[in-house]
Amino acid sequence: TVAVPRHIAIYLCRELTEYSLDEIGEEFGGRDHSTVIS
């Protein structure tokens, strides 16, 4: 119930913003590059 919305939010950040993968990870609790890609 949390993981799916998180995946969707991260995906939308990649599609709709100019943030790098590392920057997106920081905005989601400090997740690393590979977790964001996953």
All heavy atoms as atom14 arrays in JSON, in Angstrom:
{
  "sequence": "TVAVPRHIAIYLCRELTEYSLDEIGEEFGGRDHSTVIS",
  "atom14_mask": [
    [1, 1, 1, 1, 1, 1, 1, 0, 0, 0, 0, 0, 0, 0],
    [1, 1, 1, 1, 1, 1, 1, 0, 0, 0, 0, 0, 0, 0],
    [1, 1, 1, 1, 1, 0, 0, 0, 0, 0, 0, 0, 0, 0],
    [1, 1, 1, 1, 1, 1, 1, 0, 0, 0, 0, 0, 0, 0],
    [1, 1, 1, 1, 1, 1, 1, 0, 0, 0, 0, 0, 0, 0],
    [1, 1, 1, 1, 1, 1, 1, 1, 1, 1, 1, 0, 0, 0],
    [1, 1, 1, 1, 1, 1, 1, 1, 1, 1, 0, 0, 0, 0],
    [1, 1, 1, 1, 1, 1, 1, 1, 0, 0, 0, 0, 0, 0],
    [1, 1, 1, 1, 1, 0, 0, 0, 0, 0, 0, 0, 0, 0],
    [1, 1, 1, 1, 1, 1, 1, 1, 0, 0, 0, 0, 0, 0],
    [1, 1, 1, 1, 1, 1, 1, 1, 1, 1, 1, 1, 0, 0],
    [1, 1, 1, 1, 1, 1, 1, 1, 0, 0, 0, 0, 0, 0],
    [1, 1, 1, 1, 1, 1, 0, 0, 0, 0, 0, 0, 0, 0],
    [1, 1, 1, 1, 1, 1, 1, 1, 1, 1, 1, 0, 0, 0],
    [1, 1, 1, 1, 1, 1, 1, 1, 1, 0, 0, 0, 0, 0],
    [1, 1, 1, 1, 1, 1, 1, 1, 0, 0, 0, 0, 0, 0],
    [1, 1, 1, 1, 1, 1, 1, 0, 0, 0, 0, 0, 0, 0],
    [1, 1, 1, 1, 1, 1, 1, 1, 1, 0, 0, 0, 0, 0],
    [1, 1, 1, 1, 1, 1, 1, 1, 1, 1, 1, 1, 0, 0],
    [1, 1, 1, 1, 1, 1, 0, 0, 0, 0, 0, 0, 0, 0],
    [1, 1, 1, 1, 1, 1, 1, 1, 0, 0, 0, 0, 0, 0],
    [1, 1, 1, 1, 1, 1, 1, 1, 0, 0, 0, 0, 0, 0],
    [1, 1, 1, 1, 1, 1, 1, 1, 1, 0, 0, 0, 0, 0],
    [1, 1, 1, 1, 1, 1, 1, 1, 0, 0, 0, 0, 0, 0],
    [1, 1, 1, 1, 0, 0, 0, 0, 0, 0, 0, 0, 0, 0],
    [1, 1, 1, 1, 1, 1, 1, 1, 1, 0, 0, 0, 0, 0],
    [1, 1, 1, 1, 1, 1, 1, 1, 1, 0, 0, 0, 0, 0],
    [1, 1, 1, 1, 1, 1, 1, 1, 1, 1, 1, 0, 0, 0],
    [1, 1, 1, 1, 0, 0, 0, 0, 0, 0, 0, 0, 0, 0],
    [1, 1, 1, 1, 0, 0, 0, 0, 0, 0, 0, 0, 0, 0],
    [1, 1, 1, 1, 1, 1, 1, 1, 1, 1, 1, 0, 0, 0],
    [1, 1, 1, 1, 1, 1, 1, 1, 0, 0, 0, 0, 0, 0],
    [1, 1, 1, 1, 1, 1, 1, 1, 1, 1, 0, 0, 0, 0],
    [1, 1, 1, 1, 1, 1, 0, 0, 0, 0, 0, 0, 0, 0],
    [1, 1, 1, 1, 1, 1, 1, 0, 0, 0, 0, 0, 0, 0],
    [1, 1, 1, 1, 1, 1, 1, 0, 0, 0, 0, 0, 0, 0],
    [1, 1, 1, 1, 1, 1, 1, 1, 0, 0, 0, 0, 0, 0],
    [1, 1, 1, 1, 1, 1, 0, 0, 0, 0, 0, 0, 0, 0]
  ],
  "atom14_positions": [
    [[0.82, -1.22, 0.0], [0.0, 0.0, 0.0], [0.85, 1.26, 0.0], [0.35, 2.34, -0.31], [-0.93, 0.01, 1.23], [-0.13, -0.17, 2.42], [-1.97, -1.08, 1.14], [0.0, 0.0, 0.0], [0.0, 0.0, 0.0], [0.0, 0.0, 0.0], [0.0, 0.0, 0.0], [0.0, 0.0, 0.0], [0.0, 0.0, 0.0], [0.0, 0.0, 0.0]],
    [[2.12, 1.13, 0.34], [3.04, 2.27, 0.33], [4.03, 2.16, -0.83], [4.35, 3.15, -1.49], [3.81, 2.36, 1.66], [4.87, 3.45, 1.6], [2.86, 2.61, 2.82], [0.0, 0.0, 0.0], [0.0, 0.0, 0.0], [0.0, 0.0, 0.0], [0.0, 0.0, 0.0], [0.0, 0.0, 0.0], [0.0, 0.0, 0.0], [0.0, 0.0, 0.0]],
    [[4.5, 0.94, -1.1], [5.53, 0.74, -2.12], [5.05, 1.13, -3.51], [5.77, 1.8, -4.28], [6.0, -0.71, -2.11], [0.0, 0.0, 0.0], [0.0, 0.0, 0.0], [0.0, 0.0, 0.0], [0.0, 0.0, 0.0], [0.0, 0.0, 0.0], [0.0, 0.0, 0.0], [0.0, 0.0, 0.0], [0.0, 0.0, 0.0], [0.0, 0.0, 0.0]],
    [[3.81, 0.73, -3.86], [3.29, 1.05, -5.2], [3.17, 2.56, -5.4], [3.65, 3.1, -6.41], [1.95, 0.34, -5.45], [1.33, 0.83, -6.77], [2.14, -1.17, -5.5], [0.0, 0.0, 0.0], [0.0, 0.0, 0.0], [0.0, 0.0, 0.0], [0.0, 0.0, 0.0], [0.0, 0.0, 0.0], [0.0, 0.0, 0.0], [0.0, 0.0, 0.0]],
    [[2.53, 3.3, -4.46], [2.48, 4.76, -4.62], [3.87, 5.39, -4.7], [4.09, 6.34, -5.46], [1.75, 5.23, -3.36], [0.92, 4.07, -2.94], [1.73, 2.86, -3.29], [0.0, 0.0, 0.0], [0.0, 0.0, 0.0], [0.0, 0.0, 0.0], [0.0, 0.0, 0.0], [0.0, 0.0, 0.0], [0.0, 0.0, 0.0], [0.0, 0.0, 0.0]],
    [[4.81, 4.83, -3.92], [6.19, 5.37, -3.96], [6.8, 5.17, -5.33], [7.44, 6.07, -5.89], [7.04, 4.7, -2.88], [8.48, 5.25, -2.83], [9.35, 4.43, -1.91], [8.83, 4.45, -0.55], [8.57, 3.35, 0.17], [8.75, 2.16, -0.37], [8.1, 3.46, 1.39], [0.0, 0.0, 0.0], [0.0, 0.0, 0.0], [0.0, 0.0, 0.0]],
    [[6.65, 3.96, -5.89], [7.17, 3.69, -7.23], [6.59, 4.66, -8.25], [7.3, 5.19, -9.11], [6.84, 2.25, -7.66], [7.56, 1.19, -6.89], [8.83, 1.37, -6.39], [7.19, -0.07, -6.54], [9.21, 0.27, -5.76], [8.22, -0.62, -5.84], [0.0, 0.0, 0.0], [0.0, 0.0, 0.0], [0.0, 0.0, 0.0], [0.0, 0.0, 0.0]],
    [[5.29, 4.88, -8.16], [4.61, 5.78, -9.1], [5.11, 7.21, -8.94], [5.37, 7.91, -9.93], [3.08, 5.71, -8.91], [2.56, 4.36, -9.42], [2.38, 6.86, -9.63], [1.08, 4.14, -9.17], [0.0, 0.0, 0.0], [0.0, 0.0, 0.0], [0.0, 0.0, 0.0], [0.0, 0.0, 0.0], [0.0, 0.0, 0.0], [0.0, 0.0, 0.0]],
    [[5.26, 7.65, -7.7], [5.73, 9.02, -7.44], [7.14, 9.22, -7.99], [7.44, 10.25, -8.62], [5.69, 9.31, -5.95], [0.0, 0.0, 0.0], [0.0, 0.0, 0.0], [0.0, 0.0, 0.0], [0.0, 0.0, 0.0], [0.0, 0.0, 0.0], [0.0, 0.0, 0.0], [0.0, 0.0, 0.0], [0.0, 0.0, 0.0], [0.0, 0.0, 0.0]],
    [[8.0, 8.24, -7.77], [9.38, 8.34, -8.27], [9.38, 8.34, -9.8], [10.11, 9.11, -10.44], [10.23, 7.18, -7.71], [10.47, 7.4, -6.21], [11.56, 7.07, -8.46], [11.19, 6.26, -5.52], [0.0, 0.0, 0.0], [0.0, 0.0, 0.0], [0.0, 0.0, 0.0], [0.0, 0.0, 0.0], [0.0, 0.0, 0.0], [0.0, 0.0, 0.0]],
    [[8.56, 7.48, -10.38], [8.46, 7.43, -11.85], [8.0, 8.78, -12.41], [8.57, 9.29, -13.38], [7.47, 6.34, -12.25], [7.12, 6.32, -13.72], [7.95, 5.71, -14.65], [5.95, 6.94, -14.18], [7.64, 5.71, -16.01], [5.63, 6.95, -15.54], [6.48, 6.33, -16.44], [6.16, 6.34, -17.77], [0.0, 0.0, 0.0], [0.0, 0.0, 0.0]],
    [[6.99, 9.37, -11.79], [6.48, 10.66, -12.26], [7.52, 11.77, -12.08], [7.61, 12.68, -12.91], [5.2, 11.03, -11.51], [3.96, 10.2, -11.88], [2.8, 10.5, -10.93], [3.54, 10.47, -13.33], [0.0, 0.0, 0.0], [0.0, 0.0, 0.0], [0.0, 0.0, 0.0], [0.0, 0.0, 0.0], [0.0, 0.0, 0.0], [0.0, 0.0, 0.0]],
    [[8.31, 11.7, -11.03], [9.39, 12.69, -10.83], [10.4, 12.61, -11.96], [10.89, 13.64, -12.44], [10.09, 12.45, -9.49], [9.11, 12.93, -8.05], [0.0, 0.0, 0.0], [0.0, 0.0, 0.0], [0.0, 0.0, 0.0], [0.0, 0.0, 0.0], [0.0, 0.0, 0.0], [0.0, 0.0, 0.0], [0.0, 0.0, 0.0], [0.0, 0.0, 0.0]],
    [[10.69, 11.39, -12.38], [11.63, 11.22, -13.49], [11.05, 11.74, -14.8], [11.74, 12.35, -15.62], [12.0, 9.74, -13.63], [12.94, 9.42, -14.79], [14.25, 10.15, -14.67], [15.23, 9.65, -15.62], [16.37, 10.26, -15.89], [16.66, 11.39, -15.28], [17.22, 9.75, -16.75], [0.0, 0.0, 0.0], [0.0, 0.0, 0.0], [0.0, 0.0, 0.0]],
    [[9.74, 11.52, -15.01], [9.1, 11.89, -16.26], [8.76, 13.38, -16.35], [8.81, 13.97, -17.42], [7.81, 11.07, -16.45], [8.05, 9.59, -16.69], [8.78, 9.3, -17.98], [8.31, 9.78, -19.03], [9.83, 8.63, -17.93], [0.0, 0.0, 0.0], [0.0, 0.0, 0.0], [0.0, 0.0, 0.0], [0.0, 0.0, 0.0], [0.0, 0.0, 0.0]],
    [[8.41, 13.99, -15.21], [7.84, 15.34, -15.24], [8.76, 16.43, -14.71], [8.42, 17.61, -14.79], [6.53, 15.36, -14.43], [5.44, 14.39, -14.87], [4.22, 14.51, -13.95], [5.05, 14.63, -16.32], [0.0, 0.0, 0.0], [0.0, 0.0, 0.0], [0.0, 0.0, 0.0], [0.0, 0.0, 0.0], [0.0, 0.0, 0.0], [0.0, 0.0, 0.0]],
    [[9.9, 16.06, -14.13], [10.81, 17.08, -13.6], [12.18, 16.94, -14.23], [12.47, 15.96, -14.93], [10.94, 16.97, -12.06], [11.82, 15.87, -11.73], [9.59, 16.77, -11.4], [0.0, 0.0, 0.0], [0.0, 0.0, 0.0], [0.0, 0.0, 0.0], [0.0, 0.0, 0.0], [0.0, 0.0, 0.0], [0.0, 0.0, 0.0], [0.0, 0.0, 0.0]],
    [[13.03, 17.9, -13.95], [14.41, 17.87, -14.44], [15.38, 17.41, -13.36], [16.6, 17.56, -13.5], [14.81, 19.27, -14.94], [13.91, 19.83, -16.02], [13.87, 18.96, -17.26], [14.82, 18.18, -17.46], [12.89, 19.04, -18.02], [0.0, 0.0, 0.0], [0.0, 0.0, 0.0], [0.0, 0.0, 0.0], [0.0, 0.0, 0.0], [0.0, 0.0, 0.0]],
    [[14.86, 16.84, -12.26], [15.73, 16.37, -11.19], [16.52, 15.15, -11.65], [16.02, 14.3, -12.39], [14.89, 15.99, -9.96], [14.37, 17.16, -9.16], [13.28, 17.92, -9.62], [14.95, 17.53, -7.95], [12.79, 19.0, -8.9], [14.47, 18.61, -7.22], [13.4, 19.34, -7.7], [12.92, 20.41, -6.99], [0.0, 0.0, 0.0], [0.0, 0.0, 0.0]],
    [[17.77, 15.05, -11.2], [18.58, 13.87, -11.49], [18.1, 12.7, -10.62], [17.34, 12.9, -9.65], [20.05, 14.14, -11.19], [20.26, 14.29, -9.79], [0.0, 0.0, 0.0], [0.0, 0.0, 0.0], [0.0, 0.0, 0.0], [0.0, 0.0, 0.0], [0.0, 0.0, 0.0], [0.0, 0.0, 0.0], [0.0, 0.0, 0.0], [0.0, 0.0, 0.0]],
    [[18.54, 11.5, -10.93], [18.14, 10.33, -10.15], [18.61, 10.46, -8.7], [17.89, 10.08, -7.77], [18.71, 9.07, -10.79], [18.19, 8.74, -12.2], [18.84, 7.46, -12.72], [16.68, 8.59, -12.2], [0.0, 0.0, 0.0], [0.0, 0.0, 0.0], [0.0, 0.0, 0.0], [0.0, 0.0, 0.0], [0.0, 0.0, 0.0], [0.0, 0.0, 0.0]],
    [[19.81, 10.97, -8.52], [20.33, 11.15, -7.15], [19.49, 12.16, -6.37], [19.2, 11.98, -5.19], [21.79, 11.6, -7.19], [22.73, 10.49, -7.65], [22.37, 9.32, -7.43], [23.78, 10.8, -8.22], [0.0, 0.0, 0.0], [0.0, 0.0, 0.0], [0.0, 0.0, 0.0], [0.0, 0.0, 0.0], [0.0, 0.0, 0.0], [0.0, 0.0, 0.0]],
    [[19.09, 13.24, -7.06], [18.28, 14.28, -6.4], [16.9, 13.74, -6.05], [16.35, 14.04, -4.97], [18.16, 15.5, -7.32], [19.45, 16.28, -7.45], [19.39, 17.34, -8.54], [18.56, 17.2, -9.46], [20.18, 18.3, -8.47], [0.0, 0.0, 0.0], [0.0, 0.0, 0.0], [0.0, 0.0, 0.0], [0.0, 0.0, 0.0], [0.0, 0.0, 0.0]],
    [[16.33, 12.92, -6.93], [15.04, 12.31, -6.63], [15.16, 11.4, -5.42], [14.31, 11.4, -4.53], [14.52, 11.52, -7.86], [14.18, 12.49, -8.99], [13.29, 10.69, -7.48], [13.84, 11.79, -10.3], [0.0, 0.0, 0.0], [0.0, 0.0, 0.0], [0.0, 0.0, 0.0], [0.0, 0.0, 0.0], [0.0, 0.0, 0.0], [0.0, 0.0, 0.0]],
    [[16.23, 10.63, -5.39], [16.46, 9.74, -4.25], [16.53, 10.49, -2.93], [15.98, 10.03, -1.91], [0.0, 0.0, 0.0], [0.0, 0.0, 0.0], [0.0, 0.0, 0.0], [0.0, 0.0, 0.0], [0.0, 0.0, 0.0], [0.0, 0.0, 0.0], [0.0, 0.0, 0.0], [0.0, 0.0, 0.0], [0.0, 0.0, 0.0], [0.0, 0.0, 0.0]],
    [[17.18, 11.63, -2.94], [17.28, 12.45, -1.73], [15.9, 12.91, -1.25], [15.63, 13.0, -0.06], [18.17, 13.68, -1.99], [19.66, 13.39, -2.01], [20.14, 12.86, -0.66], [19.76, 13.43, 0.38], [20.89, 11.86, -0.65], [0.0, 0.0, 0.0], [0.0, 0.0, 0.0], [0.0, 0.0, 0.0], [0.0, 0.0, 0.0], [0.0, 0.0, 0.0]],
    [[15.02, 13.2, -2.2], [13.68, 13.68, -1.87], [12.77, 12.55, -1.37], [11.68, 12.8, -0.86], [13.03, 14.34, -3.09], [13.73, 15.58, -3.59], [13.57, 16.76, -2.63], [12.6, 16.77, -1.86], [14.43, 17.66, -2.65], [0.0, 0.0, 0.0], [0.0, 0.0, 0.0], [0.0, 0.0, 0.0], [0.0, 0.0, 0.0], [0.0, 0.0, 0.0]],
    [[13.22, 11.32, -1.53], [12.44, 10.17, -1.05], [13.21, 9.42, 0.05], [13.44, 8.22, -0.02], [12.11, 9.24, -2.21], [10.98, 9.73, -3.07], [11.23, 10.63, -4.09], [9.68, 9.3, -2.86], [10.2, 11.1, -4.89], [8.64, 9.78, -3.65], [8.89, 10.68, -4.67], [0.0, 0.0, 0.0], [0.0, 0.0, 0.0], [0.0, 0.0, 0.0]],
    [[13.6, 10.18, 1.06], [14.22, 9.57, 2.23], [15.66, 9.18, 2.05], [16.16, 8.29, 2.75], [0.0, 0.0, 0.0], [0.0, 0.0, 0.0], [0.0, 0.0, 0.0], [0.0, 0.0, 0.0], [0.0, 0.0, 0.0], [0.0, 0.0, 0.0], [0.0, 0.0, 0.0], [0.0, 0.0, 0.0], [0.0, 0.0, 0.0], [0.0, 0.0, 0.0]],
    [[16.35, 9.79, 1.09], [17.78, 9.49, 0.91], [18.04, 8.18, 0.2], [19.06, 7.53, 0.44], [0.0, 0.0, 0.0], [0.0, 0.0, 0.0], [0.0, 0.0, 0.0], [0.0, 0.0, 0.0], [0.0, 0.0, 0.0], [0.0, 0.0, 0.0], [0.0, 0.0, 0.0], [0.0, 0.0, 0.0], [0.0, 0.0, 0.0], [0.0, 0.0, 0.0]],
    [[17.15, 7.76, -0.68], [17.35, 6.52, -1.42], [18.47, 6.67, -2.44], [18.66, 7.74, -3.01], [16.05, 6.11, -2.13], [15.03, 5.52, -1.18], [13.69, 5.21, -1.84], [12.94, 4.28, -1.01], [12.32, 4.61, 0.1], [12.35, 5.88, 0.52], [11.68, 3.71, 0.81], [0.0, 0.0, 0.0], [0.0, 0.0, 0.0], [0.0, 0.0, 0.0]],
    [[19.2, 5.57, -2.67], [20.33, 5.66, -3.58], [19.89, 5.54, -5.04], [18.73, 5.23, -5.35], [21.4, 4.61, -3.26], [20.9, 3.17, -3.38], [19.95, 2.94, -4.15], [21.45, 2.29, -2.71], [0.0, 0.0, 0.0], [0.0, 0.0, 0.0], [0.0, 0.0, 0.0], [0.0, 0.0, 0.0], [0.0, 0.0, 0.0], [0.0, 0.0, 0.0]],
    [[20.85, 5.78, -5.9], [20.64, 5.82, -7.35], [19.98, 4.54, -7.86], [19.02, 4.57, -8.63], [22.02, 6.03, -7.99], [22.0, 6.18, -9.47], [22.04, 5.1, -10.32], [21.96, 7.28, -10.26], [22.03, 5.53, -11.56], [21.98, 6.84, -11.57], [0.0, 0.0, 0.0], [0.0, 0.0, 0.0], [0.0, 0.0, 0.0], [0.0, 0.0, 0.0]],
    [[20.49, 3.38, -7.45], [19.99, 2.1, -7.96], [18.56, 1.83, -7.5], [17.77, 1.23, -8.24], [20.91, 0.95, -7.53], [21.0, 0.88, -6.13], [0.0, 0.0, 0.0], [0.0, 0.0, 0.0], [0.0, 0.0, 0.0], [0.0, 0.0, 0.0], [0.0, 0.0, 0.0], [0.0, 0.0, 0.0], [0.0, 0.0, 0.0], [0.0, 0.0, 0.0]],
    [[18.21, 2.27, -6.29], [16.85, 2.08, -5.79], [15.85, 2.91, -6.59], [14.74, 2.45, -6.89], [16.77, 2.46, -4.3], [17.73, 1.71, -3.57], [15.38, 2.18, -3.74], [0.0, 0.0, 0.0], [0.0, 0.0, 0.0], [0.0, 0.0, 0.0], [0.0, 0.0, 0.0], [0.0, 0.0, 0.0], [0.0, 0.0, 0.0], [0.0, 0.0, 0.0]],
    [[16.25, 4.12, -6.95], [15.39, 4.98, -7.76], [15.16, 4.33, -9.13], [14.03, 4.28, -9.63], [16.02, 6.38, -7.93], [15.22, 7.21, -8.93], [16.08, 7.09, -6.58], [0.0, 0.0, 0.0], [0.0, 0.0, 0.0], [0.0, 0.0, 0.0], [0.0, 0.0, 0.0], [0.0, 0.0, 0.0], [0.0, 0.0, 0.0], [0.0, 0.0, 0.0]],
    [[16.24, 3.83, -9.74], [16.11, 3.16, -11.04], [15.19, 1.95, -10.94], [14.37, 1.7, -11.83], [17.5, 2.73, -11.56], [18.32, 3.97, -11.97], [17.36, 1.77, -12.74], [19.69, 3.65, -12.47], [0.0, 0.0, 0.0], [0.0, 0.0, 0.0], [0.0, 0.0, 0.0], [0.0, 0.0, 0.0], [0.0, 0.0, 0.0], [0.0, 0.0, 0.0]],
    [[15.31, 1.2, -9.86], [14.47, 0.02, -9.66], [12.99, 0.41, -9.62], [12.14, -0.28, -10.2], [14.87, -0.69, -8.36], [14.03, -1.79, -8.11], [0.0, 0.0, 0.0], [0.0, 0.0, 0.0], [0.0, 0.0, 0.0], [0.0, 0.0, 0.0], [0.0, 0.0, 0.0], [0.0, 0.0, 0.0], [0.0, 0.0, 0.0], [0.0, 0.0, 0.0]]
  ]
}
